[in-house]
């Protein structure tokens, strides 16, 4: 099991995303922003649904 990425770094990698956003959209944005593998794995582990904002993403990652 990996640790959750730093919330500030996570949001840096999701800069420019328009919410609500799907898991797929979040992953695409993170990859385009050069997110590290820890961040990508954390996003991949989230439930496949729509997220209404940065707090929802952070909560989904910390609850996995």
C-alpha atoms as a PDB file:
ATOM      1  CA  UNK A   1       0.000   0.000   0.000  1.00  0.00           C
ATOM      2  CA  UNK A   2       1.312   3.440  -0.871  1.00  0.00           C
ATOM      3  CA  UNK A   3       0.880   6.610   1.106  1.00  0.00           C
ATOM      4  CA  UNK A   4      -1.448   9.350  -0.047  1.00  0.00           C
ATOM      5  CA  UNK A   5       0.278  12.131  -1.969  1.00  0.00           C
ATOM      6  CA  UNK A   6       0.733  15.529  -0.392  1.00  0.00           C
ATOM      7  CA  UNK A   7      -2.560  17.425  -0.892  1.00  0.00           C
ATOM      8  CA  UNK A   8      -0.773  20.555  -2.101  1.00  0.00           C
ATOM      9  CA  UNK A   9       1.225  18.581  -4.678  1.00  0.00           C
ATOM     10  CA  UNK A  10      -1.938  16.753  -5.716  1.00  0.00           C
ATOM     11  CA  UNK A  11      -3.769  19.993  -6.430  1.00  0.00           C
ATOM     12  CA  UNK A  12      -0.728  21.348  -8.281  1.00  0.00           C
ATOM     13  CA  UNK A  13      -0.984  18.376 -10.630  1.00  0.00           C
ATOM     14  CA  UNK A  14      -4.713  19.009 -11.114  1.00  0.00           C
ATOM     15  CA  UNK A  15      -4.252  22.697 -11.926  1.00  0.00           C
ATOM     16  CA  UNK A  16      -6.694  23.950 -14.528  1.00  0.00           C
ATOM     17  CA  UNK A  17      -9.208  21.125 -14.174  1.00  0.00           C
ATOM     18  CA  UNK A  18     -12.862  22.131 -14.487  1.00  0.00           C
ATOM     19  CA  UNK A  19     -15.078  20.547 -11.851  1.00  0.00           C
ATOM     20  CA  UNK A  20     -17.155  18.470 -11.798  1.00  0.00           C
ATOM     21  CA  UNK A  21     -14.627  16.070 -13.315  1.00  0.00           C
ATOM     22  CA  UNK A  22     -14.526  12.333 -13.826  1.00  0.00           C
ATOM     23  CA  UNK A  23     -11.766  10.083 -12.555  1.00  0.00           C
ATOM     24  CA  UNK A  24     -10.535   9.743 -16.150  1.00  0.00           C
ATOM     25  CA  UNK A  25     -10.370  13.518 -16.620  1.00  0.00           C
ATOM     26  CA  UNK A  26      -8.442  13.881 -13.367  1.00  0.00           C
ATOM     27  CA  UNK A  27      -5.941  11.223 -14.420  1.00  0.00           C
ATOM     28  CA  UNK A  28      -5.458  12.846 -17.828  1.00  0.00           C
ATOM     29  CA  UNK A  29      -4.864  16.266 -16.241  1.00  0.00           C
ATOM     30  CA  UNK A  30      -2.400  14.866 -13.708  1.00  0.00           C
ATOM     31  CA  UNK A  31      -0.423  13.093 -16.431  1.00  0.00           C
ATOM     32  CA  UNK A  32      -0.316  16.278 -18.547  1.00  0.00           C
ATOM     33  CA  UNK A  33       0.992  18.203 -15.531  1.00  0.00           C
ATOM     34  CA  UNK A  34       3.778  15.668 -14.987  1.00  0.00           C
ATOM     35  CA  UNK A  35       2.439  13.979 -11.845  1.00  0.00           C
ATOM     36  CA  UNK A  36       4.675  11.361 -10.240  1.00  0.00           C
ATOM     37  CA  UNK A  37       3.753   7.679 -10.045  1.00  0.00           C
ATOM     38  CA  UNK A  38       2.572   7.969  -6.430  1.00  0.00           C
ATOM     39  CA  UNK A  39       0.007  10.581  -7.448  1.00  0.00           C
ATOM     40  CA  UNK A  40      -1.093   8.592 -10.520  1.00  0.00           C
ATOM     41  CA  UNK A  41      -1.531   5.416  -8.432  1.00  0.00           C
ATOM     42  CA  UNK A  42      -3.541   7.341  -5.839  1.00  0.00           C
ATOM     43  CA  UNK A  43      -5.860   8.739  -8.513  1.00  0.00           C
ATOM     44  CA  UNK A  44      -6.204   5.325 -10.139  1.00  0.00           C
ATOM     45  CA  UNK A  45      -7.297   3.840  -6.804  1.00  0.00           C
ATOM     46  CA  UNK A  46     -10.227   6.262  -6.428  1.00  0.00           C
ATOM     47  CA  UNK A  47     -13.792   5.136  -7.157  1.00  0.00           C
ATOM     48  CA  UNK A  48     -14.803   5.687 -10.785  1.00  0.00           C
ATOM     49  CA  UNK A  49     -17.243   8.567 -10.438  1.00  0.00           C
ATOM     50  CA  UNK A  50     -17.540  12.313 -10.906  1.00  0.00           C
ATOM     51  CA  UNK A  51     -15.840  14.611  -8.367  1.00  0.00           C
ATOM     52  CA  UNK A  52     -17.262  18.033  -7.602  1.00  0.00           C
ATOM     53  CA  UNK A  53     -14.066  19.707  -6.420  1.00  0.00           C
ATOM     54  CA  UNK A  54     -10.555  19.401  -4.995  1.00  0.00           C
ATOM     55  CA  UNK A  55     -11.803  18.479  -1.528  1.00  0.00           C
ATOM     56  CA  UNK A  56     -13.775  15.538  -2.919  1.00  0.00           C
ATOM     57  CA  UNK A  57     -10.645  14.279  -4.694  1.00  0.00           C
ATOM     58  CA  UNK A  58      -8.528  14.582  -1.545  1.00  0.00           C
ATOM     59  CA  UNK A  59     -11.171  12.780   0.497  1.00  0.00           C
ATOM     60  CA  UNK A  60     -11.426   9.952  -2.029  1.00  0.00           C
ATOM     61  CA  UNK A  61      -7.664   9.448  -1.958  1.00  0.00           C
ATOM     62  CA  UNK A  62      -7.380   9.434   1.825  1.00  0.00           C
ATOM     63  CA  UNK A  63     -10.318   7.008   2.204  1.00  0.00           C
ATOM     64  CA  UNK A  64      -8.955   4.318  -0.099  1.00  0.00           C
END
